[in-house]
Amino acid sequence: MKNSKSMHILVVDDDNLHLEILKNKLKKLDYTQLMFANTYQEAKDILDSRIPDHILSDYYLDKHYTGVDLIRECLLSQDVPVIFITSFYGDSIFRDVIDIAPMDFLSKNVTEFDLDKSIQLAMTKKREQAKTAKLKEYIFVKHVREIRKLAVRDIEYIMVDGKYLSIFADQKKFLIRSTLHDFLKKLPNDFIKIHQAYVINVKFLESISIDDNTVKVGENILPFSRNHKKELLSGYYLP
């Protein structure tokens, strides 16, 4: 298990003074893997290149953006614990924040003890949820300029595509930001890893070519690693 103090934390605040205060508090608490952004675009650029273990964000950001906007745009399919730290309170803010189910909502004068407690509890909750979390019957994914509803049962296969995953279903490709390992843990048992870069839905598996180590999934020929042969055949093959 990763040392909780070495988790990667992204801190977002458009006020440089408050950003520095948070930085000092986190360093005093021995958090070592810290990233900082004081504009919406800087935070977005960071999230485009990597997904942190945890996010601490101010509610109001620059150019009329909010921390909620950031989460909705960049972390639609990600289960990253978020804590909002803000000087502003009110029913409208709280309703907006609660819609994305953050782990906590703290004041900017939060003590080091309460800040540490909130981070640790959030990460503990995430670990416990990850043990049993499975995708629901449907998921929502970005497709061009839309958010599309996709039935998990219709996913044919998943392929590593750089820092993204490509999900193939209904003759379309959908991109999500996740690791193959993390996404596979959430899938039903019919999804099996056949290669370090591929997961297939056995429902669409047509045949296995032992000679050239490939499988036919629907109309697609995919590489099949010998390392994953036992996992696939042990559950389905009848000699």
Protein backbone atom coordinates (compact mmCIF):
# COMPACT_ATOMS: atom_id res chain seq x y z
CA MET A 1 0.00 0.00 0.00
CA LYS A 2 1.25 3.44 -0.88
CA ASN A 3 2.53 5.51 2.01
CA SER A 4 -0.30 7.99 2.64
CA LYS A 5 2.19 10.83 2.99
CA SER A 6 3.66 10.14 -0.45
CA MET A 7 0.38 10.42 -2.31
CA HIS A 8 0.27 12.93 -5.14
CA ILE A 9 -1.82 15.94 -4.18
CA LEU A 10 -2.87 18.74 -6.51
CA VAL A 11 -3.59 22.07 -4.79
CA VAL A 12 -5.57 24.66 -6.77
CA ASP A 13 -6.05 28.26 -5.60
CA ASP A 14 -6.02 31.52 -7.55
CA ASP A 15 -4.77 33.44 -4.50
CA ASN A 16 -0.98 33.08 -4.28
CA LEU A 17 -0.95 33.88 -0.56
CA HIS A 18 -3.45 31.17 0.30
CA LEU A 19 -1.66 28.78 -2.04
CA GLU A 20 1.58 29.39 -0.15
CA ILE A 21 -0.15 28.91 3.21
CA LEU A 22 -1.56 25.57 2.11
CA LYS A 23 1.83 24.54 0.73
CA ASN A 24 3.48 25.24 4.09
CA LYS A 25 0.80 23.36 6.02
CA LEU A 26 1.08 20.30 3.79
CA LYS A 27 4.87 20.28 4.00
CA LYS A 28 4.72 20.52 7.79
CA LEU A 29 2.41 17.50 7.69
CA ASP A 30 5.12 15.66 5.69
CA TYR A 31 3.26 15.42 2.39
CA THR A 32 6.00 15.30 -0.21
CA GLN A 33 4.41 14.81 -3.65
CA LEU A 34 2.72 18.16 -4.18
CA MET A 35 1.59 19.94 -7.35
CA PHE A 36 0.29 23.51 -7.41
CA ALA A 37 -1.84 25.56 -9.79
CA ASN A 38 -3.09 29.10 -9.31
CA THR A 39 -5.19 29.31 -12.48
CA TYR A 40 -7.92 27.14 -13.92
CA GLN A 41 -5.86 26.50 -17.05
CA GLU A 42 -2.77 25.47 -15.07
CA ALA A 43 -4.87 22.96 -13.12
CA LYS A 44 -6.45 21.68 -16.34
CA ASP A 45 -3.02 21.25 -17.96
CA ILE A 46 -1.83 19.21 -14.99
CA LEU A 47 -4.92 17.01 -15.07
CA ASP A 48 -4.48 16.49 -18.79
CA SER A 49 -1.06 14.98 -18.16
CA ARG A 50 -1.62 13.04 -14.93
CA ILE A 51 -4.28 12.17 -12.37
CA PRO A 52 -3.35 12.92 -8.74
CA ASP A 53 -4.37 10.82 -5.77
CA HIS A 54 -6.10 13.76 -4.15
CA ILE A 55 -7.22 17.33 -4.98
CA LEU A 56 -7.50 20.34 -2.69
CA SER A 57 -9.26 23.17 -4.49
CA ASP A 58 -10.57 26.63 -3.80
CA TYR A 59 -14.19 27.07 -4.87
CA TYR A 60 -13.77 30.35 -6.78
CA LEU A 61 -11.02 30.29 -9.40
CA ASP A 62 -9.93 32.79 -12.02
CA LYS A 63 -11.98 33.92 -15.07
CA HIS A 64 -15.29 33.05 -13.37
CA TYR A 65 -14.43 29.35 -13.17
CA THR A 66 -14.97 27.31 -10.04
CA GLY A 67 -13.37 24.20 -8.63
CA VAL A 68 -16.61 22.37 -9.47
CA ASP A 69 -16.15 23.35 -13.14
CA LEU A 70 -12.65 21.88 -13.01
CA ILE A 71 -13.84 18.54 -11.63
CA ARG A 72 -16.72 18.29 -14.08
CA GLU A 73 -14.54 19.02 -17.09
CA CYS A 74 -11.42 17.03 -16.24
CA LEU A 75 -12.45 14.24 -13.89
CA LEU A 76 -15.77 13.04 -15.25
CA SER A 77 -14.79 9.36 -15.11
CA GLN A 78 -12.25 9.51 -12.30
CA ASP A 79 -12.70 8.59 -8.67
CA VAL A 80 -10.35 11.18 -7.17
CA PRO A 81 -11.10 12.46 -3.64
CA VAL A 82 -11.72 16.21 -3.66
CA ILE A 83 -11.70 18.61 -0.72
CA PHE A 84 -12.85 22.18 -1.21
CA ILE A 85 -11.11 24.81 0.90
CA THR A 86 -12.77 28.20 0.66
CA SER A 87 -13.50 31.48 2.40
CA PHE A 88 -16.98 31.66 0.89
CA TYR A 89 -20.08 29.95 2.19
CA GLY A 90 -23.72 29.99 1.20
CA ASP A 91 -26.58 27.77 0.09
CA SER A 92 -25.92 28.21 -3.63
CA ILE A 93 -22.22 27.33 -3.24
CA PHE A 94 -23.01 24.35 -1.05
CA ARG A 95 -25.62 23.03 -3.53
CA ASP A 96 -23.12 23.35 -6.36
CA VAL A 97 -20.35 21.63 -4.42
CA ILE A 98 -22.48 18.82 -3.03
CA ASP A 99 -23.54 17.86 -6.56
CA ILE A 100 -20.11 16.31 -7.20
CA ALA A 101 -19.98 14.62 -3.78
CA PRO A 102 -16.70 16.00 -2.41
CA MET A 103 -15.01 14.38 0.55
CA ASP A 104 -15.07 17.59 2.60
CA PHE A 105 -15.72 21.35 2.57
CA LEU A 106 -13.25 23.26 4.76
CA SER A 107 -12.50 26.84 5.70
CA LYS A 108 -9.23 28.41 4.54
CA ASN A 109 -8.19 28.90 8.16
CA VAL A 110 -8.39 25.13 8.70
CA THR A 111 -5.88 23.82 11.22
CA GLU A 112 -3.12 21.47 10.18
CA PHE A 113 -4.70 18.73 12.29
CA ASP A 114 -8.12 19.06 10.62
CA LEU A 115 -6.57 19.27 7.17
CA ASP A 116 -4.54 16.11 7.75
CA LYS A 117 -7.55 14.34 9.23
CA SER A 118 -9.70 15.20 6.24
CA ILE A 119 -7.10 13.98 3.72
CA GLN A 120 -6.44 10.74 5.59
CA LEU A 121 -10.13 9.94 6.04
CA ALA A 122 -10.80 10.66 2.37
CA MET A 123 -8.06 8.31 1.22
CA THR A 124 -9.15 5.60 3.63
CA LYS A 125 -12.70 5.84 2.30
CA LYS A 126 -11.42 5.64 -1.28
CA ARG A 127 -9.41 2.48 -0.52
CA GLU A 128 -12.41 0.81 1.09
CA GLN A 129 -14.68 1.73 -1.81
CA ALA A 130 -12.15 0.46 -4.34
CA LYS A 131 -12.25 -3.02 -2.82
CA THR A 132 -15.87 -3.57 -3.83
CA ALA A 133 -16.56 -0.88 -6.43
CA LYS A 134 -18.00 -2.09 -9.72
CA LEU A 135 -19.34 -0.10 -12.61
CA LYS A 136 -23.07 0.26 -12.80
CA GLU A 137 -25.10 -1.06 -15.72
CA TYR A 138 -24.48 2.17 -17.62
CA ILE A 139 -21.65 4.70 -17.65
CA PHE A 140 -21.40 8.17 -19.14
CA VAL A 141 -18.42 8.98 -21.34
CA LYS A 142 -17.32 11.89 -23.50
CA HIS A 143 -17.75 11.49 -27.26
CA VAL A 144 -16.77 14.45 -29.43
CA ARG A 145 -18.75 17.32 -27.83
CA GLU A 146 -21.35 15.16 -26.12
CA ILE A 147 -21.58 13.04 -23.00
CA ARG A 148 -22.94 9.68 -24.13
CA LYS A 149 -24.70 6.97 -22.16
CA LEU A 150 -22.95 3.63 -22.70
CA ALA A 151 -24.12 0.20 -21.55
CA VAL A 152 -21.23 -1.69 -19.95
CA ARG A 153 -22.50 -4.94 -21.53
CA ASP A 154 -22.00 -3.39 -24.99
CA ILE A 155 -18.27 -2.77 -24.48
CA GLU A 156 -16.38 -5.15 -26.78
CA TYR A 157 -12.85 -4.40 -25.71
CA ILE A 158 -10.65 -1.76 -24.08
CA MET A 159 -7.21 -0.70 -25.28
CA VAL A 160 -4.47 1.40 -23.72
CA ASP A 161 -4.14 4.57 -25.79
CA GLY A 162 -1.30 6.66 -24.38
CA LYS A 163 -2.47 8.28 -21.15
CA TYR A 164 -6.06 7.32 -22.02
CA LEU A 165 -8.08 4.17 -22.52
CA SER A 166 -10.01 3.61 -25.73
CA ILE A 167 -13.33 1.87 -25.16
CA PHE A 168 -14.82 0.19 -28.23
CA ALA A 169 -18.58 -0.34 -28.32
CA ASP A 170 -21.32 -0.11 -30.95
CA GLN A 171 -18.68 0.52 -33.64
CA LYS A 172 -17.56 3.68 -31.83
CA LYS A 173 -14.48 4.61 -29.82
CA PHE A 174 -14.73 6.44 -26.51
CA LEU A 175 -11.76 7.89 -24.63
CA ILE A 176 -11.51 7.96 -20.84
CA ARG A 177 -8.64 8.96 -18.57
CA SER A 178 -7.74 5.93 -16.46
CA THR A 179 -5.22 3.13 -16.14
CA LEU A 180 -6.16 -0.28 -17.48
CA HIS A 181 -5.49 -1.82 -14.09
CA ASP A 182 -7.85 0.53 -12.23
CA PHE A 183 -10.61 0.29 -14.84
CA LEU A 184 -10.47 -3.50 -14.99
CA LYS A 185 -11.09 -3.73 -11.24
CA LYS A 186 -14.44 -2.00 -11.76
CA LEU A 187 -15.63 -4.20 -14.63
CA PRO A 188 -17.83 -7.31 -14.32
CA ASN A 189 -16.25 -10.76 -14.37
CA ASP A 190 -16.88 -11.22 -18.11
CA PHE A 191 -14.07 -8.77 -18.81
CA ILE A 192 -10.65 -10.41 -18.96
CA LYS A 193 -7.17 -9.05 -19.57
CA ILE A 194 -5.55 -10.76 -22.58
CA HIS A 195 -2.52 -8.51 -23.00
CA GLN A 196 -0.82 -5.70 -21.07
CA ALA A 197 -2.68 -3.24 -23.30
CA TYR A 198 -6.00 -5.04 -23.89
CA VAL A 199 -9.08 -6.16 -21.96
CA ILE A 200 -11.90 -7.97 -23.76
CA ASN A 201 -15.53 -8.72 -23.03
CA VAL A 202 -15.74 -12.54 -23.36
CA LYS A 203 -19.29 -12.10 -24.67
CA PHE A 204 -17.78 -10.83 -27.96
CA LEU A 205 -14.90 -13.33 -28.14
CA GLU A 206 -15.24 -15.38 -31.36
CA SER A 207 -12.04 -17.44 -31.45
CA ILE A 208 -8.48 -17.84 -30.18
CA SER A 209 -5.55 -18.48 -32.50
CA ILE A 210 -2.91 -20.38 -30.58
CA ASP A 211 -0.39 -20.30 -33.45
CA ASP A 212 -0.10 -16.52 -33.78
CA ASN A 213 -1.34 -15.54 -30.31
CA THR A 214 -4.33 -13.50 -31.39
CA VAL A 215 -8.02 -13.46 -30.56
CA LYS A 216 -10.99 -12.44 -32.66
CA VAL A 217 -13.35 -10.10 -30.82
CA GLY A 218 -16.29 -9.22 -33.03
CA GLU A 219 -14.59 -8.27 -36.30
CA ASN A 220 -11.32 -7.27 -34.64
CA ILE A 221 -8.09 -9.26 -34.36
CA LEU A 222 -6.25 -8.43 -31.13
CA PRO A 223 -2.90 -9.60 -29.69
CA PHE A 224 -3.09 -12.33 -27.06
CA SER A 225 -0.27 -12.62 -24.52
CA ARG A 226 0.78 -16.08 -23.37
CA ASN A 227 1.04 -14.68 -19.85
CA HIS A 228 -2.75 -14.29 -19.82
CA LYS A 229 -3.60 -17.57 -21.56
CA LYS A 230 -4.29 -19.47 -18.35
CA GLU A 231 -6.58 -16.75 -16.99
CA LEU A 232 -8.76 -16.90 -20.08
CA LEU A 233 -8.84 -20.62 -20.75
CA SER A 234 -9.14 -21.82 -17.16
CA GLY A 235 -12.55 -20.25 -16.79
CA TYR A 236 -14.05 -21.07 -20.17
CA TYR A 237 -12.17 -23.80 -22.04
CA LEU A 238 -13.50 -27.36 -21.97
CA PRO A 239 -10.92 -29.82 -23.42
